[in-house]
Amino acid sequence: MEVLLDNVIPENHPRTFTTNASEHKDLIKIKQAILAIDGVESIEFMDVVFPKQFKVTSSKMIEVRFVEEAVNEVGFNALPREFLSF
């Protein structure tokens, strides 16, 4: 397990994810699901890129898998951006 790759690091180190959700109502569901995770402070969506991306900022270290699982529970996928090569 690599600390930087497997976690959302607190403070000024938000983690960027890509999602397959595209409609505004779906992005709201994702936001609510992620904000329910203990330690998540904010979520910022980047709507001008395709596929949609969002940044998660936290107050404590959170495993990436918790974000992925929260998004999966509302019917979508979330992939850490660093692992994708476009």
PDB file of N, CA and C in Angstrom:
ATOM      1  N   MET A   1       0.842  -1.189   0.000  1.00  0.00           N
ATOM      2  CA  MET A   1       0.000   0.000   0.000  1.00  0.00           C
ATOM      3  C   MET A   1       0.878   1.240   0.000  1.00  0.00           C
ATOM      4  N   GLU A   2       0.691   2.098  -0.991  1.00  0.00           N
ATOM      5  CA  GLU A   2       1.422   3.348  -1.041  1.00  0.00           C
ATOM      6  C   GLU A   2       0.545   4.452  -0.477  1.00  0.00           C
ATOM      7  N   VAL A   3       1.065   5.180   0.473  1.00  0.00           N
ATOM      8  CA  VAL A   3       0.277   6.196   1.161  1.00  0.00           C
ATOM      9  C   VAL A   3      -0.250   7.247   0.190  1.00  0.00           C
ATOM     10  N   LEU A   4       0.557   7.758  -0.689  1.00  0.00           N
ATOM     11  CA  LEU A   4       0.125   8.819  -1.588  1.00  0.00           C
ATOM     12  C   LEU A   4      -0.851   8.340  -2.652  1.00  0.00           C
ATOM     13  N   LEU A   5      -0.704   7.119  -3.121  1.00  0.00           N
ATOM     14  CA  LEU A   5      -1.575   6.613  -4.177  1.00  0.00           C
ATOM     15  C   LEU A   5      -2.889   6.047  -3.663  1.00  0.00           C
ATOM     16  N   ASP A   6      -2.904   5.549  -2.450  1.00  0.00           N
ATOM     17  CA  ASP A   6      -4.072   4.846  -1.930  1.00  0.00           C
ATOM     18  C   ASP A   6      -4.943   5.677  -0.991  1.00  0.00           C
ATOM     19  N   ASN A   7      -4.622   6.971  -0.841  1.00  0.00           N
ATOM     20  CA  ASN A   7      -5.344   7.792   0.128  1.00  0.00           C
ATOM     21  C   ASN A   7      -5.631   9.185  -0.406  1.00  0.00           C
ATOM     22  N   VAL A   8      -6.650   9.799   0.194  1.00  0.00           N
ATOM     23  CA  VAL A   8      -6.889  11.226   0.015  1.00  0.00           C
ATOM     24  C   VAL A   8      -6.137  11.877   1.180  1.00  0.00           C
ATOM     25  N   ILE A   9      -5.168  12.701   0.858  1.00  0.00           N
ATOM     26  CA  ILE A   9      -4.316  13.321   1.877  1.00  0.00           C
ATOM     27  C   ILE A   9      -4.980  14.610   2.353  1.00  0.00           C
ATOM     28  N   PRO A  10      -4.984  14.880   3.664  1.00  0.00           N
ATOM     29  CA  PRO A  10      -5.659  16.072   4.192  1.00  0.00           C
ATOM     30  C   PRO A  10      -5.003  17.392   3.774  1.00  0.00           C
ATOM     31  N   GLU A  11      -5.793  18.436   4.004  1.00  0.00           N
ATOM     32  CA  GLU A  11      -5.410  19.834   3.839  1.00  0.00           C
ATOM     33  C   GLU A  11      -5.340  20.253   2.382  1.00  0.00           C
ATOM     34  N   ASN A  12      -4.215  20.716   1.900  1.00  0.00           N
ATOM     35  CA  ASN A  12      -4.103  21.295   0.555  1.00  0.00           C
ATOM     36  C   ASN A  12      -3.721  20.275  -0.509  1.00  0.00           C
ATOM     37  N   HIS A  13      -4.136  19.042  -0.345  1.00  0.00           N
ATOM     38  CA  HIS A  13      -3.797  17.986  -1.295  1.00  0.00           C
ATOM     39  C   HIS A  13      -5.049  17.240  -1.743  1.00  0.00           C
ATOM     40  N   PRO A  14      -5.967  17.920  -2.462  1.00  0.00           N
ATOM     41  CA  PRO A  14      -7.178  17.212  -2.897  1.00  0.00           C
ATOM     42  C   PRO A  14      -6.845  16.106  -3.884  1.00  0.00           C
ATOM     43  N   ARG A  15      -7.693  15.115  -3.928  1.00  0.00           N
ATOM     44  CA  ARG A  15      -7.509  13.987  -4.836  1.00  0.00           C
ATOM     45  C   ARG A  15      -8.535  14.096  -5.947  1.00  0.00           C
ATOM     46  N   THR A  16      -8.102  13.964  -7.178  1.00  0.00           N
ATOM     47  CA  THR A  16      -8.992  14.070  -8.331  1.00  0.00           C
ATOM     48  C   THR A  16      -9.445  12.688  -8.785  1.00  0.00           C
ATOM     49  N   PHE A  17     -10.743  12.582  -9.055  1.00  0.00           N
ATOM     50  CA  PHE A  17     -11.352  11.348  -9.535  1.00  0.00           C
ATOM     51  C   PHE A  17     -12.095  11.636 -10.836  1.00  0.00           C
ATOM     52  N   THR A  18     -12.232  10.624 -11.656  1.00  0.00           N
ATOM     53  CA  THR A  18     -13.037  10.682 -12.872  1.00  0.00           C
ATOM     54  C   THR A  18     -14.273   9.823 -12.632  1.00  0.00           C
ATOM     55  N   THR A  19     -15.421  10.276 -13.166  1.00  0.00           N
ATOM     56  CA  THR A  19     -16.651   9.513 -12.994  1.00  0.00           C
ATOM     57  C   THR A  19     -17.384   9.369 -14.321  1.00  0.00           C
ATOM     58  N   ASN A  20     -18.199   8.337 -14.403  1.00  0.00           N
ATOM     59  CA  ASN A  20     -19.001   8.122 -15.600  1.00  0.00           C
ATOM     60  C   ASN A  20     -20.364   8.802 -15.508  1.00  0.00           C
ATOM     61  N   ALA A  21     -20.656   9.473 -14.404  1.00  0.00           N
ATOM     62  CA  ALA A  21     -21.905  10.232 -14.275  1.00  0.00           C
ATOM     63  C   ALA A  21     -21.796  11.495 -15.118  1.00  0.00           C
ATOM     64  N   SER A  22     -22.915  11.902 -15.714  1.00  0.00           N
ATOM     65  CA  SER A  22     -22.855  13.099 -16.546  1.00  0.00           C
ATOM     66  C   SER A  22     -23.963  14.100 -16.251  1.00  0.00           C
ATOM     67  N   GLU A  23     -25.093  13.645 -15.758  1.00  0.00           N
ATOM     68  CA  GLU A  23     -26.204  14.548 -15.488  1.00  0.00           C
ATOM     69  C   GLU A  23     -26.048  15.199 -14.118  1.00  0.00           C
ATOM     70  N   HIS A  24     -26.564  16.428 -14.019  1.00  0.00           N
ATOM     71  CA  HIS A  24     -26.433  17.205 -12.780  1.00  0.00           C
ATOM     72  C   HIS A  24     -27.021  16.462 -11.580  1.00  0.00           C
ATOM     73  N   LYS A  25     -28.180  15.848 -11.759  1.00  0.00           N
ATOM     74  CA  LYS A  25     -28.828  15.134 -10.650  1.00  0.00           C
ATOM     75  C   LYS A  25     -27.959  13.974 -10.157  1.00  0.00           C
ATOM     76  N   ASP A  26     -27.231  13.339 -11.061  1.00  0.00           N
ATOM     77  CA  ASP A  26     -26.353  12.241 -10.674  1.00  0.00           C
ATOM     78  C   ASP A  26     -25.123  12.753  -9.923  1.00  0.00           C
ATOM     79  N   LEU A  27     -24.620  13.900 -10.345  1.00  0.00           N
ATOM     80  CA  LEU A  27     -23.475  14.498  -9.655  1.00  0.00           C
ATOM     81  C   LEU A  27     -23.848  14.904  -8.228  1.00  0.00           C
ATOM     82  N   ILE A  28     -25.080  15.350  -8.045  1.00  0.00           N
ATOM     83  CA  ILE A  28     -25.566  15.697  -6.702  1.00  0.00           C
ATOM     84  C   ILE A  28     -25.607  14.445  -5.821  1.00  0.00           C
ATOM     85  N   LYS A  29     -26.072  13.324  -6.371  1.00  0.00           N
ATOM     86  CA  LYS A  29     -26.091  12.056  -5.621  1.00  0.00           C
ATOM     87  C   LYS A  29     -24.681  11.655  -5.204  1.00  0.00           C
ATOM     88  N   ILE A  30     -23.746  11.803  -6.128  1.00  0.00           N
ATOM     89  CA  ILE A  30     -22.351  11.466  -5.830  1.00  0.00           C
ATOM     90  C   ILE A  30     -21.818  12.364  -4.726  1.00  0.00           C
ATOM     91  N   LYS A  31     -22.089  13.640  -4.831  1.00  0.00           N
ATOM     92  CA  LYS A  31     -21.608  14.597  -3.828  1.00  0.00           C
ATOM     93  C   LYS A  31     -22.142  14.242  -2.442  1.00  0.00           C
ATOM     94  N   GLN A  32     -23.434  13.947  -2.348  1.00  0.00           N
ATOM     95  CA  GLN A  32     -24.032  13.599  -1.057  1.00  0.00           C
ATOM     96  C   GLN A  32     -23.420  12.324  -0.488  1.00  0.00           C
ATOM     97  N   ALA A  33     -23.178  11.338  -1.344  1.00  0.00           N
ATOM     98  CA  ALA A  33     -22.604  10.071  -0.891  1.00  0.00           C
ATOM     99  C   ALA A  33     -21.186  10.267  -0.359  1.00  0.00           C
ATOM    100  N   ILE A  34     -20.406  11.076  -1.051  1.00  0.00           N
ATOM    101  CA  ILE A  34     -19.014  11.283  -0.626  1.00  0.00           C
ATOM    102  C   ILE A  34     -18.950  12.152   0.624  1.00  0.00           C
ATOM    103  N   LEU A  35     -19.812  13.169   0.708  1.00  0.00           N
ATOM    104  CA  LEU A  35     -19.810  14.025   1.900  1.00  0.00           C
ATOM    105  C   LEU A  35     -20.195  13.264   3.167  1.00  0.00           C
ATOM    106  N   ALA A  36     -20.842  12.108   3.016  1.00  0.00           N
ATOM    107  CA  ALA A  36     -21.207  11.286   4.169  1.00  0.00           C
ATOM    108  C   ALA A  36     -20.002  10.557   4.762  1.00  0.00           C
ATOM    109  N   ILE A  37     -18.886  10.522   4.042  1.00  0.00           N
ATOM    110  CA  ILE A  37     -17.673   9.866   4.540  1.00  0.00           C
ATOM    111  C   ILE A  37     -17.037  10.764   5.597  1.00  0.00           C
ATOM    112  N   ASP A  38     -16.720  10.177   6.728  1.00  0.00           N
ATOM    113  CA  ASP A  38     -16.098  10.923   7.822  1.00  0.00           C
ATOM    114  C   ASP A  38     -14.757  11.505   7.375  1.00  0.00           C
ATOM    115  N   GLY A  39     -14.606  12.810   7.522  1.00  0.00           N
ATOM    116  CA  GLY A  39     -13.357  13.469   7.187  1.00  0.00           C
ATOM    117  C   GLY A  39     -13.377  14.230   5.873  1.00  0.00           C
ATOM    118  N   VAL A  40     -14.388  13.992   5.037  1.00  0.00           N
ATOM    119  CA  VAL A  40     -14.469  14.713   3.757  1.00  0.00           C
ATOM    120  C   VAL A  40     -14.949  16.131   4.044  1.00  0.00           C
ATOM    121  N   GLU A  41     -14.200  17.110   3.546  1.00  0.00           N
ATOM    122  CA  GLU A  41     -14.555  18.509   3.759  1.00  0.00           C
ATOM    123  C   GLU A  41     -15.322  19.103   2.592  1.00  0.00           C
ATOM    124  N   SER A  42     -14.872  18.832   1.372  1.00  0.00           N
ATOM    125  CA  SER A  42     -15.542  19.428   0.217  1.00  0.00           C
ATOM    126  C   SER A  42     -15.310  18.603  -1.038  1.00  0.00           C
ATOM    127  N   ILE A  43     -16.184  18.859  -2.012  1.00  0.00           N
ATOM    128  CA  ILE A  43     -16.089  18.211  -3.317  1.00  0.00           C
ATOM    129  C   ILE A  43     -16.289  19.293  -4.367  1.00  0.00           C
ATOM    130  N   GLU A  44     -15.394  19.347  -5.323  1.00  0.00           N
ATOM    131  CA  GLU A  44     -15.472  20.332  -6.402  1.00  0.00           C
ATOM    132  C   GLU A  44     -15.559  19.587  -7.727  1.00  0.00           C
ATOM    133  N   PHE A  45     -16.652  19.831  -8.473  1.00  0.00           N
ATOM    134  CA  PHE A  45     -16.823  19.202  -9.778  1.00  0.00           C
ATOM    135  C   PHE A  45     -16.220  20.075 -10.862  1.00  0.00           C
ATOM    136  N   MET A  46     -15.575  19.443 -11.831  1.00  0.00           N
ATOM    137  CA  MET A  46     -15.018  20.128 -12.988  1.00  0.00           C
ATOM    138  C   MET A  46     -15.859  19.725 -14.189  1.00  0.00           C
ATOM    139  N   ASP A  47     -16.826  20.566 -14.527  1.00  0.00           N
ATOM    140  CA  ASP A  47     -17.811  20.234 -15.556  1.00  0.00           C
ATOM    141  C   ASP A  47     -17.335  20.468 -16.981  1.00  0.00           C
ATOM    142  N   VAL A  48     -16.239  21.165 -17.160  1.00  0.00           N
ATOM    143  CA  VAL A  48     -15.814  21.509 -18.517  1.00  0.00           C
ATOM    144  C   VAL A  48     -14.944  20.429 -19.157  1.00  0.00           C
ATOM    145  N   VAL A  49     -14.654  19.373 -18.439  1.00  0.00           N
ATOM    146  CA  VAL A  49     -13.828  18.294 -18.981  1.00  0.00           C
ATOM    147  C   VAL A  49     -14.695  17.061 -19.230  1.00  0.00           C
ATOM    148  N   PHE A  50     -14.222  16.213 -20.118  1.00  0.00           N
ATOM    149  CA  PHE A  50     -14.897  14.942 -20.351  1.00  0.00           C
ATOM    150  C   PHE A  50     -13.869  13.835 -20.262  1.00  0.00           C
ATOM    151  N   PRO A  51     -14.120  12.805 -19.510  1.00  0.00           N
ATOM    152  CA  PRO A  51     -15.271  12.591 -18.646  1.00  0.00           C
ATOM    153  C   PRO A  51     -15.235  13.521 -17.443  1.00  0.00           C
ATOM    154  N   LYS A  52     -16.367  13.621 -16.744  1.00  0.00           N
ATOM    155  CA  LYS A  52     -16.488  14.498 -15.582  1.00  0.00           C
ATOM    156  C   LYS A  52     -15.454  14.113 -14.537  1.00  0.00           C
ATOM    157  N   GLN A  53     -14.964  15.134 -13.850  1.00  0.00           N
ATOM    158  CA  GLN A  53     -13.997  14.915 -12.785  1.00  0.00           C
ATOM    159  C   GLN A  53     -14.450  15.673 -11.540  1.00  0.00           C
ATOM    160  N   PHE A  54     -13.967  15.210 -10.394  1.00  0.00           N
ATOM    161  CA  PHE A  54     -14.221  15.933  -9.150  1.00  0.00           C
ATOM    162  C   PHE A  54     -13.021  15.797  -8.238  1.00  0.00           C
ATOM    163  N   LYS A  55     -12.842  16.818  -7.386  1.00  0.00           N
ATOM    164  CA  LYS A  55     -11.751  16.824  -6.409  1.00  0.00           C
ATOM    165  C   LYS A  55     -12.342  16.675  -5.020  1.00  0.00           C
ATOM    166  N   VAL A  56     -11.738  15.807  -4.237  1.00  0.00           N
ATOM    167  CA  VAL A  56     -12.155  15.572  -2.864  1.00  0.00           C
ATOM    168  C   VAL A  56     -11.085  16.132  -1.935  1.00  0.00           C
ATOM    169  N   THR A  57     -11.510  17.012  -1.036  1.00  0.00           N
ATOM    170  CA  THR A  57     -10.617  17.574  -0.023  1.00  0.00           C
ATOM    171  C   THR A  57     -11.045  17.020   1.331  1.00  0.00           C
ATOM    172  N   SER A  58     -10.067  16.636   2.148  1.00  0.00           N
ATOM    173  CA  SER A  58     -10.395  16.007   3.426  1.00  0.00           C
ATOM    174  C   SER A  58      -9.648  16.665   4.585  1.00  0.00           C
ATOM    175  N   SER A  59     -10.152  16.406   5.787  1.00  0.00           N
ATOM    176  CA  SER A  59      -9.512  16.901   7.000  1.00  0.00           C
ATOM    177  C   SER A  59      -8.646  15.832   7.648  1.00  0.00           C
ATOM    178  N   LYS A  60      -8.755  14.602   7.149  1.00  0.00           N
ATOM    179  CA  LYS A  60      -7.917  13.503   7.628  1.00  0.00           C
ATOM    180  C   LYS A  60      -7.676  12.539   6.478  1.00  0.00           C
ATOM    181  N   MET A  61      -6.753  11.631   6.651  1.00  0.00           N
ATOM    182  CA  MET A  61      -6.434  10.678   5.598  1.00  0.00           C
ATOM    183  C   MET A  61      -7.610   9.721   5.391  1.00  0.00           C
ATOM    184  N   ILE A  62      -8.040   9.601   4.134  1.00  0.00           N
ATOM    185  CA  ILE A  62      -9.155   8.726   3.771  1.00  0.00           C
ATOM    186  C   ILE A  62      -8.687   7.811   2.654  1.00  0.00           C
ATOM    187  N   GLU A  63      -8.978   6.545   2.788  1.00  0.00           N
ATOM    188  CA  GLU A  63      -8.600   5.600   1.737  1.00  0.00           C
ATOM    189  C   GLU A  63      -9.436   5.855   0.489  1.00  0.00           C
ATOM    190  N   VAL A  64      -8.788   5.796  -0.660  1.00  0.00           N
ATOM    191  CA  VAL A  64      -9.440   6.001  -1.948  1.00  0.00           C
ATOM    192  C   VAL A  64     -10.601   5.027  -2.126  1.00  0.00           C
ATOM    193  N   ARG A  65     -10.467   3.835  -1.633  1.00  0.00           N
ATOM    194  CA  ARG A  65     -11.516   2.824  -1.810  1.00  0.00           C
ATOM    195  C   ARG A  65     -12.836   3.255  -1.172  1.00  0.00           C
ATOM    196  N   PHE A  66     -12.797   4.085  -0.110  1.00  0.00           N
ATOM    197  CA  PHE A  66     -14.038   4.558   0.509  1.00  0.00           C
ATOM    198  C   PHE A  66     -14.794   5.492  -0.435  1.00  0.00           C
ATOM    199  N   VAL A  67     -14.069   6.316  -1.157  1.00  0.00           N
ATOM    200  CA  VAL A  67     -14.687   7.207  -2.144  1.00  0.00           C
ATOM    201  C   VAL A  67     -15.259   6.365  -3.286  1.00  0.00           C
ATOM    202  N   GLU A  68     -14.471   5.419  -3.764  1.00  0.00           N
ATOM    203  CA  GLU A  68     -14.925   4.550  -4.851  1.00  0.00           C
ATOM    204  C   GLU A  68     -16.191   3.790  -4.456  1.00  0.00           C
ATOM    205  N   GLU A  69     -16.230   3.260  -3.242  1.00  0.00           N
ATOM    206  CA  GLU A  69     -17.383   2.496  -2.768  1.00  0.00           C
ATOM    207  C   GLU A  69     -18.618   3.376  -2.619  1.00  0.00           C
ATOM    208  N   ALA A  70     -18.438   4.602  -2.119  1.00  0.00           N
ATOM    209  CA  ALA A  70     -19.567   5.521  -1.946  1.00  0.00           C
ATOM    210  C   ALA A  70     -20.195   5.853  -3.293  1.00  0.00           C
ATOM    211  N   VAL A  71     -19.371   6.083  -4.298  1.00  0.00           N
ATOM    212  CA  VAL A  71     -19.874   6.395  -5.633  1.00  0.00           C
ATOM    213  C   VAL A  71     -20.526   5.151  -6.251  1.00  0.00           C
ATOM    214  N   ASN A  72     -19.949   3.987  -6.042  1.00  0.00           N
ATOM    215  CA  ASN A  72     -20.535   2.739  -6.556  1.00  0.00           C
ATOM    216  C   ASN A  72     -21.925   2.494  -5.977  1.00  0.00           C
ATOM    217  N   GLU A  73     -22.128   2.863  -4.717  1.00  0.00           N
ATOM    218  CA  GLU A  73     -23.419   2.637  -4.060  1.00  0.00           C
ATOM    219  C   GLU A  73     -24.543   3.441  -4.696  1.00  0.00           C
ATOM    220  N   VAL A  74     -24.227   4.561  -5.348  1.00  0.00           N
ATOM    221  CA  VAL A  74     -25.274   5.341  -6.028  1.00  0.00           C
ATOM    222  C   VAL A  74     -25.335   5.026  -7.523  1.00  0.00           C
ATOM    223  N   GLY A  75     -24.591   3.997  -7.945  1.00  0.00           N
ATOM    224  CA  GLY A  75     -24.718   3.488  -9.295  1.00  0.00           C
ATOM    225  C   GLY A  75     -23.722   3.985 -10.326  1.00  0.00           C
ATOM    226  N   PHE A  76     -22.618   4.573  -9.885  1.00  0.00           N
ATOM    227  CA  PHE A  76     -21.627   5.103 -10.816  1.00  0.00           C
ATOM    228  C   PHE A  76     -20.235   4.636 -10.424  1.00  0.00           C
ATOM    229  N   ASN A  77     -19.254   5.015 -11.214  1.00  0.00           N
ATOM    230  CA  ASN A  77     -17.866   4.656 -10.941  1.00  0.00           C
ATOM    231  C   ASN A  77     -17.046   5.905 -10.644  1.00  0.00           C
ATOM    232  N   ALA A  78     -16.020   5.718  -9.837  1.00  0.00           N
ATOM    233  CA  ALA A  78     -15.052   6.778  -9.564  1.00  0.00           C
ATOM    234  C   ALA A  78     -13.667   6.153  -9.650  1.00  0.00           C
ATOM    235  N   LEU A  79     -12.825   6.745 -10.470  1.00  0.00           N
ATOM    236  CA  LEU A  79     -11.454   6.261 -10.629  1.00  0.00           C
ATOM    237  C   LEU A  79     -10.480   7.372 -10.292  1.00  0.00           C
ATOM    238  N   PRO A  80      -9.474   7.080  -9.478  1.00  0.00           N
ATOM    239  CA  PRO A  80      -8.461   8.101  -9.199  1.00  0.00           C
ATOM    240  C   PRO A  80      -7.811   8.544 -10.507  1.00  0.00           C
ATOM    241  N   ARG A  81      -7.707   9.825 -10.710  1.00  0.00           N
ATOM    242  CA  ARG A  81      -7.231  10.394 -11.975  1.00  0.00           C
ATOM    243  C   ARG A  81      -5.796  10.005 -12.291  1.00  0.00           C
ATOM    244  N   GLU A  82      -4.944   9.875 -11.321  1.00  0.00           N
ATOM    245  CA  GLU A  82      -3.544   9.587 -11.549  1.00  0.00           C
ATOM    246  C   GLU A  82      -3.313   8.263 -12.284  1.00  0.00           C
ATOM    247  N   PHE A  83      -4.265   7.352 -12.199  1.00  0.00           N
ATOM    248  CA  PHE A  83      -4.072   6.040 -12.826  1.00  0.00           C
ATOM    249  C   PHE A  83      -4.532   5.993 -14.269  1.00  0.00           C
ATOM    250  N   LEU A  84      -5.170   7.048 -14.741  1.00  0.00           N
ATOM    251  CA  LEU A  84      -5.674   7.063 -16.103  1.00  0.00           C
ATOM    252  C   LEU A  84      -4.662   7.735 -17.024  1.00  0.00           C
ATOM    253  N   SER A  85      -4.525   7.224 -18.207  1.00  0.00           N
ATOM    254  CA  SER A  85      -3.625   7.852 -19.166  1.00  0.00           C
ATOM    255  C   SER A  85      -4.424   8.245 -20.399  1.00  0.00           C
ATOM    256  N   PHE A  86      -4.646   9.529 -20.571  1.00  0.00           N
ATOM    257  CA  PHE A  86      -5.387  10.059 -21.722  1.00  0.00           C
ATOM    258  C   PHE A  86      -4.443  10.761 -22.640  1.00  0.00           C
TER     259      PHE A  86
END
